[in-house]
C-alpha atoms as a PDB file:
ATOM      1  CA  MET A   1       0.000   0.000   0.000  1.00  0.00           C
ATOM      2  CA  ALA A   2       1.068   3.578  -0.644  1.00  0.00           C
ATOM      3  CA  ASN A   3       2.639   5.818   1.988  1.00  0.00           C
ATOM      4  CA  TYR A   4       1.890   9.534   2.131  1.00  0.00           C
ATOM      5  CA  ILE A   5       3.538  12.804   3.097  1.00  0.00           C
ATOM      6  CA  ILE A   6       1.417  15.818   4.097  1.00  0.00           C
ATOM      7  CA  ILE A   7       1.967  19.511   4.817  1.00  0.00           C
ATOM      8  CA  GLY A   8       0.690  20.357   8.273  1.00  0.00           C
ATOM      9  CA  GLY A   9      -0.892  23.591   9.431  1.00  0.00           C
ATOM     10  CA  ASP A  10       2.565  24.831  10.490  1.00  0.00           C
ATOM     11  CA  GLY A  11       3.835  24.494   6.903  1.00  0.00           C
ATOM     12  CA  ARG A  12       6.159  21.561   7.676  1.00  0.00           C
ATOM     13  CA  GLU A  13       6.227  18.176   5.995  1.00  0.00           C
ATOM     14  CA  TYR A  14       5.181  15.100   7.940  1.00  0.00           C
ATOM     15  CA  GLY A  15       5.574  11.504   6.953  1.00  0.00           C
ATOM     16  CA  PRO A  16       5.843   9.219   5.211  1.00  0.00           C
ATOM     17  CA  VAL A  17       2.914   7.504   6.922  1.00  0.00           C
ATOM     18  CA  SER A  18       0.551   4.760   5.833  1.00  0.00           C
ATOM     19  CA  GLY A  19      -2.940   5.403   4.516  1.00  0.00           C
ATOM     20  CA  GLU A  20      -4.369   3.912   7.694  1.00  0.00           C
ATOM     21  CA  GLN A  21      -2.420   6.350   9.879  1.00  0.00           C
ATOM     22  CA  LEU A  22      -3.454   9.272   7.700  1.00  0.00           C
ATOM     23  CA  ARG A  23      -7.151   8.289   7.960  1.00  0.00           C
ATOM     24  CA  GLN A  24      -6.711   8.263  11.732  1.00  0.00           C
ATOM     25  CA  TRP A  25      -5.342  11.825  11.564  1.00  0.00           C
ATOM     26  CA  ILE A  26      -8.385  12.800   9.529  1.00  0.00           C
ATOM     27  CA  ALA A  27     -10.661  11.208  12.111  1.00  0.00           C
ATOM     28  CA  ASP A  28      -8.799  13.071  14.883  1.00  0.00           C
ATOM     29  CA  GLY A  29      -9.242  16.366  13.069  1.00  0.00           C
ATOM     30  CA  ARG A  30      -5.559  16.772  12.290  1.00  0.00           C
ATOM     31  CA  ALA A  31      -6.112  16.825   8.542  1.00  0.00           C
ATOM     32  CA  HIS A  32      -8.892  18.228   6.380  1.00  0.00           C
ATOM     33  CA  ALA A  33     -10.037  18.400   2.767  1.00  0.00           C
ATOM     34  CA  SER A  34      -7.554  21.123   1.728  1.00  0.00           C
ATOM     35  CA  THR A  35      -4.530  19.568   3.424  1.00  0.00           C
ATOM     36  CA  GLN A  36      -1.832  19.076   0.778  1.00  0.00           C
ATOM     37  CA  VAL A  37      -0.658  15.505   0.318  1.00  0.00           C
ATOM     38  CA  ARG A  38       1.584  13.534  -2.012  1.00  0.00           C
ATOM     39  CA  THR A  39       2.444   9.892  -2.393  1.00  0.00           C
ATOM     40  CA  GLU A  40       5.945   8.941  -1.218  1.00  0.00           C
ATOM     41  CA  GLY A  41       8.274   9.095  -4.212  1.00  0.00           C
ATOM     42  CA  ALA A  42       6.010  11.506  -6.127  1.00  0.00           C
ATOM     43  CA  THR A  43       6.733  15.212  -6.624  1.00  0.00           C
ATOM     44  CA  GLY A  44       3.270  16.718  -7.153  1.00  0.00           C
ATOM     45  CA  TRP A  45       1.038  17.875  -4.267  1.00  0.00           C
ATOM     46  CA  GLN A  46      -2.781  17.648  -4.189  1.00  0.00           C
ATOM     47  CA  PRO A  47      -5.528  18.198  -1.588  1.00  0.00           C
ATOM     48  CA  LEU A  48      -6.710  15.229   0.483  1.00  0.00           C
ATOM     49  CA  SER A  49     -10.132  15.564  -1.117  1.00  0.00           C
ATOM     50  CA  ALA A  50      -8.609  14.545  -4.453  1.00  0.00           C
ATOM     51  CA  VAL A  51      -7.347  11.207  -3.125  1.00  0.00           C
ATOM     52  CA  PRO A  52     -10.212   8.678  -3.336  1.00  0.00           C
ATOM     53  CA  GLU A  53      -8.686   6.396  -0.725  1.00  0.00           C
ATOM     54  CA  LEU A  54      -8.699   9.229   1.834  1.00  0.00           C
ATOM     55  CA  ALA A  55     -11.610  11.443   0.820  1.00  0.00           C
ATOM     56  CA  ALA A  56     -14.313   9.275   2.462  1.00  0.00           C
ATOM     57  CA  GLY A  57     -13.147  10.018   5.994  1.00  0.00           C
ATOM     58  CA  LEU A  58     -12.706  13.788   5.615  1.00  0.00           C
ATOM     59  CA  LYS A  59     -14.203  16.194   8.137  1.00  0.00           C
ATOM     60  CA  SER A  60     -15.235  19.708   7.321  1.00  0.00           C
ATOM     61  CA  ALA A  61     -13.536  21.394  10.266  1.00  0.00           C
ATOM     62  CA  PRO A  62      -9.915  22.460   9.706  1.00  0.00           C
ATOM     63  CA  PRO A  63      -7.447  20.639  11.959  1.00  0.00           C
ATOM     64  CA  PRO A  64      -5.039  22.258  14.352  1.00  0.00           C
ATOM     65  CA  PRO A  65      -1.398  22.212  13.340  1.00  0.00           C
ATOM     66  CA  LEU A  66       0.275  18.883  13.809  1.00  0.00           C
ATOM     67  CA  SER A  67       2.693  18.725  16.676  1.00  0.00           C
ATOM     68  CA  PRO A  68       6.158  17.545  15.731  1.00  0.00           C
ATOM     69  CA  ALA A  69       5.881  15.009  18.533  1.00  0.00           C
ATOM     70  CA  ALA A  70       2.763  13.496  17.014  1.00  0.00           C
ATOM     71  CA  VAL A  71       4.602  11.704  14.250  1.00  0.00           C
ATOM     72  CA  THR A  72       8.060  10.722  13.183  1.00  0.00           C
ATOM     73  CA  THR A  73       9.111  13.215  10.519  1.00  0.00           C
ATOM     74  CA  THR A  74      11.476  12.683   7.667  1.00  0.00           C
ATOM     75  CA  THR A  75      12.899  15.787   6.016  1.00  0.00           C
ATOM     76  CA  ILE A  76      15.012  14.922   3.014  1.00  0.00           C
ATOM     77  CA  ALA A  77      17.431  17.713   2.078  1.00  0.00           C
ATOM     78  CA  PRO A  78      19.351  17.506  -1.181  1.00  0.00           C
ATOM     79  CA  LYS A  79      22.946  16.370  -0.704  1.00  0.00           C
ATOM     80  CA  ILE A  80      25.786  18.665  -1.689  1.00  0.00           C
ATOM     81  CA  THR A  81      28.498  16.933  -3.710  1.00  0.00           C
ATOM     82  CA  SER A  82      31.876  17.364  -2.078  1.00  0.00           C
ATOM     83  CA  ALA A  83      34.078  19.711  -4.129  1.00  0.00           C
ATOM     84  CA  LEU A  84      37.145  17.896  -2.796  1.00  0.00           C
ATOM     85  CA  ALA A  85      35.794  14.622  -4.191  1.00  0.00           C
ATOM     86  CA  VAL A  86      35.425  16.132  -7.662  1.00  0.00           C
ATOM     87  CA  THR A  87      38.866  17.763  -7.409  1.00  0.00           C
ATOM     88  CA  SER A  88      40.433  14.458  -6.398  1.00  0.00           C
ATOM     89  CA  LEU A  89      39.032  12.644  -9.419  1.00  0.00           C
ATOM     90  CA  VAL A  90      40.061  15.429 -11.823  1.00  0.00           C
ATOM     91  CA  LEU A  91      43.613  15.575 -10.439  1.00  0.00           C
ATOM     92  CA  GLY A  92      43.855  11.805 -10.561  1.00  0.00           C
ATOM     93  CA  ILE A  93      42.868  11.721 -14.245  1.00  0.00           C
ATOM     94  CA  LEU A  94      45.277  14.571 -15.022  1.00  0.00           C
ATOM     95  CA  GLY A  95      48.020  12.380 -13.568  1.00  0.00           C
ATOM     96  CA  MET A  96      47.899  10.511 -16.893  1.00  0.00           C
ATOM     97  CA  PHE A  97      49.126  13.638 -18.681  1.00  0.00           C
ATOM     98  CA  SER A  98      51.422  15.015 -15.959  1.00  0.00           C
ATOM     99  CA  CYS A  99      53.422  11.809 -15.357  1.00  0.00           C
ATOM    100  CA  GLY A 100      51.686  11.431 -11.994  1.00  0.00           C
ATOM    101  CA  ILE A 101      52.618  14.889 -10.664  1.00  0.00           C
ATOM    102  CA  THR A 102      49.000  15.939  -9.990  1.00  0.00           C
ATOM    103  CA  ALA A 103      48.160  12.491  -8.630  1.00  0.00           C
ATOM    104  CA  LEU A 104      49.778  13.250  -5.255  1.00  0.00           C
ATOM    105  CA  ALA A 105      47.441  16.210  -4.709  1.00  0.00           C
ATOM    106  CA  GLY A 106      44.557  14.070  -5.994  1.00  0.00           C
ATOM    107  CA  LEU A 107      45.335  11.335  -3.468  1.00  0.00           C
ATOM    108  CA  ILE A 108      45.391  13.811  -0.567  1.00  0.00           C
ATOM    109  CA  CYS A 109      42.121  15.465  -1.692  1.00  0.00           C
ATOM    110  CA  GLY A 110      40.496  12.064  -2.131  1.00  0.00           C
ATOM    111  CA  ILE A 111      41.394  10.840   1.362  1.00  0.00           C
ATOM    112  CA  VAL A 112      40.194  14.087   2.957  1.00  0.00           C
ATOM    113  CA  ALA A 113      36.966  13.973   0.907  1.00  0.00           C
ATOM    114  CA  VAL A 114      36.232  10.360   1.925  1.00  0.00           C
ATOM    115  CA  VAL A 115      36.582  11.291   5.611  1.00  0.00           C
ATOM    116  CA  LYS A 116      34.439  14.434   5.281  1.00  0.00           C
ATOM    117  CA  VAL A 117      31.655  12.667   3.395  1.00  0.00           C
ATOM    118  CA  LYS A 118      31.646   9.848   5.951  1.00  0.00           C
ATOM    119  CA  ASN A 119      31.443  12.281   8.890  1.00  0.00           C
ATOM    120  CA  SER A 120      28.863  14.613   7.335  1.00  0.00           C
ATOM    121  CA  GLY A 121      25.865  12.622   8.508  1.00  0.00           C
ATOM    122  CA  GLY A 122      24.500  12.430   4.992  1.00  0.00           C
ATOM    123  CA  ARG A 123      24.773  16.153   4.252  1.00  0.00           C
ATOM    124  CA  LEU A 124      27.621  15.660   1.787  1.00  0.00           C
ATOM    125  CA  GLY A 125      27.548  13.442  -1.268  1.00  0.00           C
ATOM    126  CA  GLY A 126      30.316  12.342  -3.620  1.00  0.00           C
ATOM    127  CA  GLY A 127      31.728   9.479  -1.587  1.00  0.00           C
ATOM    128  CA  GLY A 128      32.015   7.409  -4.750  1.00  0.00           C
ATOM    129  CA  LEU A 129      33.814  10.222  -6.573  1.00  0.00           C
ATOM    130  CA  ALA A 130      36.226  10.618  -3.661  1.00  0.00           C
ATOM    131  CA  LEU A 131      36.962   6.899  -3.599  1.00  0.00           C
ATOM    132  CA  ALA A 132      37.457   6.825  -7.369  1.00  0.00           C
ATOM    133  CA  GLY A 133      39.775   9.849  -7.201  1.00  0.00           C
ATOM    134  CA  THR A 134      41.795   8.211  -4.429  1.00  0.00           C
ATOM    135  CA  ILE A 135      42.168   4.973  -6.386  1.00  0.00           C
ATOM    136  CA  VAL A 136      43.034   6.652  -9.700  1.00  0.00           C
ATOM    137  CA  SER A 137      45.561   8.960  -8.022  1.00  0.00           C
ATOM    138  CA  GLY A 138      47.125   6.055  -6.165  1.00  0.00           C
ATOM    139  CA  ILE A 139      47.489   4.048  -9.364  1.00  0.00           C
ATOM    140  CA  PHE A 140      49.294   6.876 -11.145  1.00  0.00           C
ATOM    141  CA  LEU A 141      51.578   7.444  -8.166  1.00  0.00           C
ATOM    142  CA  LEU A 142      52.533   3.775  -8.266  1.00  0.00           C
ATOM    143  CA  MET A 143      53.221   4.124 -11.980  1.00  0.00           C
ATOM    144  CA  ILE A 144      55.735   6.967 -11.534  1.00  0.00           C
ATOM    145  CA  PRO A 145      58.702   4.620 -10.812  1.00  0.00           C
ATOM    146  CA  VAL A 146      57.683   2.437 -13.745  1.00  0.00           C
ATOM    147  CA  LEU A 147      57.442   5.427 -16.091  1.00  0.00           C
ATOM    148  CA  ALA A 148      60.757   6.751 -14.800  1.00  0.00           C
ATOM    149  CA  ALA A 149      62.434   3.397 -15.418  1.00  0.00           C
ATOM    150  CA  MET A 150      61.054   3.412 -18.958  1.00  0.00           C
ATOM    151  CA  MET A 151      62.001   7.014 -19.698  1.00  0.00           C
ATOM    152  CA  LEU A 152      65.502   7.185 -18.212  1.00  0.00           C
ATOM    153  CA  PRO A 153      67.177   5.060 -20.908  1.00  0.00           C
ATOM    154  CA  ALA A 154      65.451   7.099 -23.613  1.00  0.00           C
ATOM    155  CA  LEU A 155      66.502  10.365 -21.975  1.00  0.00           C
ATOM    156  CA  ALA A 156      70.076   9.138 -21.613  1.00  0.00           C
ATOM    157  CA  ALA A 157      70.141   8.126 -25.277  1.00  0.00           C
ATOM    158  CA  ALA A 158      68.726  11.502 -26.313  1.00  0.00           C
ATOM    159  CA  LYS A 159      71.378  13.283 -24.252  1.00  0.00           C
ATOM    160  CA  GLN A 160      74.155  11.252 -25.835  1.00  0.00           C
ATOM    161  CA  LYS A 161      72.781  11.963 -29.297  1.00  0.00           C
ATOM    162  CA  ALA A 162      72.632  15.691 -28.567  1.00  0.00           C
ATOM    163  CA  GLU A 163      76.198  15.654 -27.258  1.00  0.00           C
ATOM    164  CA  ALA A 164      77.369  13.782 -30.356  1.00  0.00           C
ATOM    165  CA  ILE A 165      75.726  16.407 -32.570  1.00  0.00           C
ATOM    166  CA  ASN A 166      77.474  19.187 -30.614  1.00  0.00           C
ATOM    167  CA  CYS A 167      80.773  17.370 -30.932  1.00  0.00           C
ATOM    168  CA  VAL A 168      80.255  17.046 -34.699  1.00  0.00           C
ATOM    169  CA  ASN A 169      79.567  20.774 -34.914  1.00  0.00           C
ATOM    170  CA  ASN A 170      82.693  21.540 -32.888  1.00  0.00           C
ATOM    171  CA  GLU A 171      84.918  19.505 -35.199  1.00  0.00           C
ATOM    172  CA  LYS A 172      83.292  21.109 -38.240  1.00  0.00           C
ATOM    173  CA  GLU A 173      84.209  24.527 -36.840  1.00  0.00           C
ATOM    174  CA  LEU A 174      87.780  23.419 -36.075  1.00  0.00           C
ATOM    175  CA  ALA A 175      88.160  21.878 -39.543  1.00  0.00           C
ATOM    176  CA  LEU A 176      86.861  25.088 -41.114  1.00  0.00           C
ATOM    177  CA  ALA A 177      89.334  27.119 -39.047  1.00  0.00           C
ATOM    178  CA  ILE A 178      92.167  24.882 -40.279  1.00  0.00           C
ATOM    179  CA  ARG A 179      91.033  25.292 -43.888  1.00  0.00           C
ATOM    180  CA  ILE A 180      90.937  29.075 -43.421  1.00  0.00           C
ATOM    181  CA  TYR A 181      94.419  28.960 -41.911  1.00  0.00           C
ATOM    182  CA  SER A 182      95.645  26.952 -44.917  1.00  0.00           C
ATOM    183  CA  GLY A 183      94.109  29.437 -47.311  1.00  0.00           C
ATOM    184  CA  ASN A 184      95.974  32.241 -45.582  1.00  0.00           C
ATOM    185  CA  ASN A 185      99.283  30.330 -45.446  1.00  0.00           C
ATOM    186  CA  ASN A 186     100.027  29.078 -48.959  1.00  0.00           C
ATOM    187  CA  ASP A 187      97.628  26.156 -48.612  1.00  0.00           C
ATOM    188  CA  LYS A 188      99.681  24.704 -45.749  1.00  0.00           C
ATOM    189  CA  PHE A 189      98.255  22.912 -42.730  1.00  0.00           C
ATOM    190  CA  PRO A 190      99.171  24.489 -39.370  1.00  0.00           C
ATOM    191  CA  PRO A 191     102.174  23.237 -37.405  1.00  0.00           C
ATOM    192  CA  ALA A 192     101.052  20.263 -35.334  1.00  0.00           C
ATOM    193  CA  ALA A 193     102.819  21.441 -32.165  1.00  0.00           C
ATOM    194  CA  THR A 194     100.850  24.710 -32.043  1.00  0.00           C
ATOM    195  CA  TRP A 195      97.740  23.976 -34.081  1.00  0.00           C
ATOM    196  CA  CYS A 196      95.269  25.240 -31.407  1.00  0.00           C
ATOM    197  CA  ASP A 197      97.137  28.539 -31.078  1.00  0.00           C
ATOM    198  CA  ALA A 198      97.484  28.841 -34.853  1.00  0.00           C
ATOM    199  CA  ILE A 199      93.828  28.544 -35.797  1.00  0.00           C
ATOM    200  CA  GLY A 200      92.353  30.438 -32.792  1.00  0.00           C
ATOM    201  CA  GLY A 201      88.567  30.651 -32.650  1.00  0.00           C
ATOM    202  CA  SER A 202      86.002  30.399 -29.886  1.00  0.00           C
ATOM    203  CA  PRO A 203      87.148  28.353 -26.846  1.00  0.00           C
ATOM    204  CA  ARG A 204      83.869  26.459 -26.797  1.00  0.00           C
ATOM    205  CA  PHE A 205      84.671  24.754 -30.097  1.00  0.00           C
ATOM    206  CA  PHE A 206      87.684  23.091 -28.440  1.00  0.00           C
ATOM    207  CA  LYS A 207      85.514  21.521 -25.705  1.00  0.00           C
ATOM    208  CA  CYS A 208      83.616  18.284 -26.283  1.00  0.00           C
ATOM    209  CA  PRO A 209      80.271  18.462 -24.399  1.00  0.00           C
ATOM    210  CA  ALA A 210      80.617  14.842 -23.309  1.00  0.00           C
ATOM    211  CA  ALA A 211      84.193  15.145 -22.014  1.00  0.00           C
ATOM    212  CA  ASP A 212      84.358  15.283 -18.238  1.00  0.00           C
ATOM    213  CA  SER A 213      87.491  17.347 -17.774  1.00  0.00           C
ATOM    214  CA  ASP A 214      88.874  20.829 -17.210  1.00  0.00           C
ATOM    215  CA  ARG A 215      91.143  20.650 -20.265  1.00  0.00           C
ATOM    216  CA  ARG A 216      91.136  23.602 -22.644  1.00  0.00           C
ATOM    217  CA  CYS A 217      90.912  21.223 -25.604  1.00  0.00           C
ATOM    218  CA  ASP A 218      89.332  17.766 -25.993  1.00  0.00           C
ATOM    219  CA  TYR A 219      90.570  17.179 -29.555  1.00  0.00           C
ATOM    220  CA  ALA A 220      93.900  16.386 -31.221  1.00  0.00           C
ATOM    221  CA  PHE A 221      95.467  17.095 -34.607  1.00  0.00           C
ATOM    222  CA  ASN A 222      96.940  14.399 -36.863  1.00  0.00           C
ATOM    223  CA  ALA A 223     100.662  15.053 -36.491  1.00  0.00           C
ATOM    224  CA  LYS A 224     101.372  13.622 -39.968  1.00  0.00           C
ATOM    225  CA  LEU A 225      99.658  16.674 -41.508  1.00  0.00           C
ATOM    226  CA  ASP A 226     102.147  19.024 -39.864  1.00  0.00           C
ATOM    227  CA  GLY A 227     102.765  21.895 -42.322  1.00  0.00           C
ATOM    228  CA  MET A 228     101.804  19.761 -45.341  1.00  0.00           C
ATOM    229  CA  ASP A 229     100.422  21.156 -48.579  1.00  0.00           C
ATOM    230  CA  ALA A 230      96.655  20.572 -48.331  1.00  0.00           C
ATOM    231  CA  SER A 231      96.393  19.872 -52.055  1.00  0.00           C
ATOM    232  CA  LYS A 232      98.746  16.887 -51.687  1.00  0.00           C
ATOM    233  CA  VAL A 233      96.864  15.258 -48.798  1.00  0.00           C
ATOM    234  CA  ASN A 234      94.287  12.551 -49.393  1.00  0.00           C
ATOM    235  CA  PRO A 235      90.908  14.158 -48.511  1.00  0.00           C
ATOM    236  CA  GLN A 236      89.912  11.089 -46.450  1.00  0.00           C
ATOM    237  CA  THR A 237      92.859  11.413 -44.085  1.00  0.00           C
ATOM    238  CA  VAL A 238      91.973  11.949 -40.425  1.00  0.00           C
ATOM    239  CA  MET A 239      92.704  15.573 -39.436  1.00  0.00           C
ATOM    240  CA  ILE A 240      90.930  16.171 -36.068  1.00  0.00           C
ATOM    241  CA  PHE A 241      89.913  13.470 -33.605  1.00  0.00           C
ATOM    242  CA  GLU A 242      88.757  13.143 -30.004  1.00  0.00           C
ATOM    243  CA  SER A 243      91.592  12.963 -27.500  1.00  0.00           C
ATOM    244  CA  ASP A 244      92.444  13.531 -23.847  1.00  0.00           C
ATOM    245  CA  GLY A 245      95.803  15.082 -24.751  1.00  0.00           C
ATOM    246  CA  GLY A 246      94.834  18.678 -23.984  1.00  0.00           C
ATOM    247  CA  TRP A 247      95.777  21.967 -25.665  1.00  0.00           C
ATOM    248  CA  ASN A 248      97.794  21.569 -28.915  1.00  0.00           C
ATOM    249  CA  ALA A 249      97.667  17.752 -28.568  1.00  0.00           C
ATOM    250  CA  ASN A 250      98.856  16.036 -31.756  1.00  0.00           C
ATOM    251  CA  GLY A 251      99.690  12.510 -32.794  1.00  0.00           C
ATOM    252  CA  GLY A 252      98.043   9.516 -34.373  1.00  0.00           C
ATOM    253  CA  PHE A 253      95.689   6.677 -33.570  1.00  0.00           C
ATOM    254  CA  GLU A 254      97.479   6.026 -30.264  1.00  0.00           C
ATOM    255  CA  LEU A 255      96.326   9.439 -28.988  1.00  0.00           C
ATOM    256  CA  MET A 256      92.644   8.790 -29.679  1.00  0.00           C
ATOM    257  CA  ILE A 257      90.412   8.251 -26.662  1.00  0.00           C
ATOM    258  CA  GLY A 258      90.139   4.593 -25.702  1.00  0.00           C
ATOM    259  CA  LYS A 259      86.446   4.708 -24.799  1.00  0.00           C
ATOM    260  CA  PRO A 260      83.882   6.533 -26.936  1.00  0.00           C
ATOM    261  CA  ARG A 261      82.257   9.563 -25.342  1.00  0.00           C
ATOM    262  CA  HIS A 262      78.993   9.193 -27.270  1.00  0.00           C
ATOM    263  CA  ALA A 263      77.759   5.646 -26.625  1.00  0.00           C
ATOM    264  CA  ARG A 264      79.677   3.664 -29.264  1.00  0.00           C
ATOM    265  CA  ILE A 265      80.475   6.586 -31.543  1.00  0.00           C
ATOM    266  CA  PHE A 266      83.804   8.333 -32.215  1.00  0.00           C
ATOM    267  CA  VAL A 267      83.789  11.681 -34.012  1.00  0.00           C
ATOM    268  CA  VAL A 268      86.580  12.518 -36.485  1.00  0.00           C
ATOM    269  CA  ALA A 269      87.106  15.337 -38.973  1.00  0.00           C
ATOM    270  CA  LEU A 270      88.798  14.548 -42.279  1.00  0.00           C
ATOM    271  CA  ALA A 271      91.264  16.586 -44.333  1.00  0.00           C
ATOM    272  CA  ASP A 272      88.531  17.744 -46.720  1.00  0.00           C
ATOM    273  CA  GLY A 273      86.647  19.353 -43.828  1.00  0.00           C
ATOM    274  CA  SER A 274      83.926  16.705 -43.553  1.00  0.00           C
ATOM    275  CA  VAL A 275      83.075  15.085 -40.214  1.00  0.00           C
ATOM    276  CA  ARG A 276      82.243  11.430 -39.626  1.00  0.00           C
ATOM    277  CA  GLN A 277      80.710   9.519 -36.753  1.00  0.00           C
ATOM    278  CA  VAL A 278      82.582   6.218 -36.616  1.00  0.00           C
ATOM    279  CA  ARG A 279      81.644   3.118 -34.669  1.00  0.00           C
ATOM    280  CA  GLU A 280      84.284   1.298 -32.661  1.00  0.00           C
ATOM    281  CA  THR A 281      84.303  -1.555 -35.167  1.00  0.00           C
ATOM    282  CA  GLN A 282      85.098   0.915 -37.970  1.00  0.00           C
ATOM    283  CA  LEU A 283      88.162   2.541 -36.407  1.00  0.00           C
ATOM    284  CA  ASN A 284      90.513   0.282 -38.358  1.00  0.00           C
ATOM    285  CA  THR A 285      89.119   1.697 -41.628  1.00  0.00           C
ATOM    286  CA  LEU A 286      90.311   5.232 -40.862  1.00  0.00           C
ATOM    287  CA  ARG A 287      93.164   6.665 -42.906  1.00  0.00           C
ATOM    288  CA  TRP A 288      95.969   8.259 -40.894  1.00  0.00           C
ATOM    289  CA  ASN A 289      98.717   8.580 -43.497  1.00  0.00           C
ATOM    290  CA  PRO A 290      98.364  11.501 -45.913  1.00  0.00           C
END
C-alpha cells in the first residue's frame, strides 16, 4: 500500500505515513479536505479531497497544526556533492598527462573527501567520486617509478645523441678554421705542435660536451699533416679526432680516446673538412697517413 507525506498547518512536511495512519489523523481532526498531500516518491502535491482512498473520511472542520511530537518526521534535504571529491578525481585523471605529478594532490584530496563525506551525517555526497579519485591517483603514483624506469634510458640516449651532434659541430668549426688557416698560409696545414694557437677561434669549439674534464681542448690534430700542402693530402685522411691530450695535442691513432664519449660513436674530422661519426668496429678503416 502507498505511503503519504502531508503539509501540516505549520507548513512543515510530515511523513511518510501509511494510509491507515493518515485516515486516523483525519478522524482526529488533524487533517482536512484542503490539506496538501503527495504519495511517497512523487513530486506533485494535491488536496486530500482529491485522493479517493482518503476522501471518504474527511471532516469539514480544519485541523489544528500537527505537533512535531505526534509523528516521526522525515525531512530529506538535497545532498551537496563534495568539491574535494570532484577535485580528487580530476587531479587523478590529469596524472595521466602530468606523469603522476597531480596524482599526489589528488590522493590527498580524495582521502580528505572520503573522511568528510563519511562524517557529514549524509549532508555531503560524492563518496564514490572521492573513492574513485583516491584509487586513480594512487594508481598513477605507483606508476611513476615504472614510467621513470622506462624514460631514463630514452633520456640518456637523447642526451648522448645531442652531445654527439654538438661534438660534430665543434669539429666542423675546427676543420673550417684549419682550412681558413691553410688558405691564408700558402695552402699549408698548421704546425702540429701549435695547431690550437694557430687557428684560434672560440674556446667552446675546443671543448667536447661529453668530455668530463677541465682541459682547454678535448681534440687532437693528426701530427702527420704538420705543415703539409693541403692539395697533396688525401681528402679522407683523419685531421681532427677526439683525445684527452689537452691543448695543442697532436699525434696519431694512439692518442685517440680509448672509450667513446657518445655511446659507441667516435667523431673525427677529415682533411677535406667533412666530419664522420665512426663506430668502434670501424676505427681500423680510418686513414691516418696523408
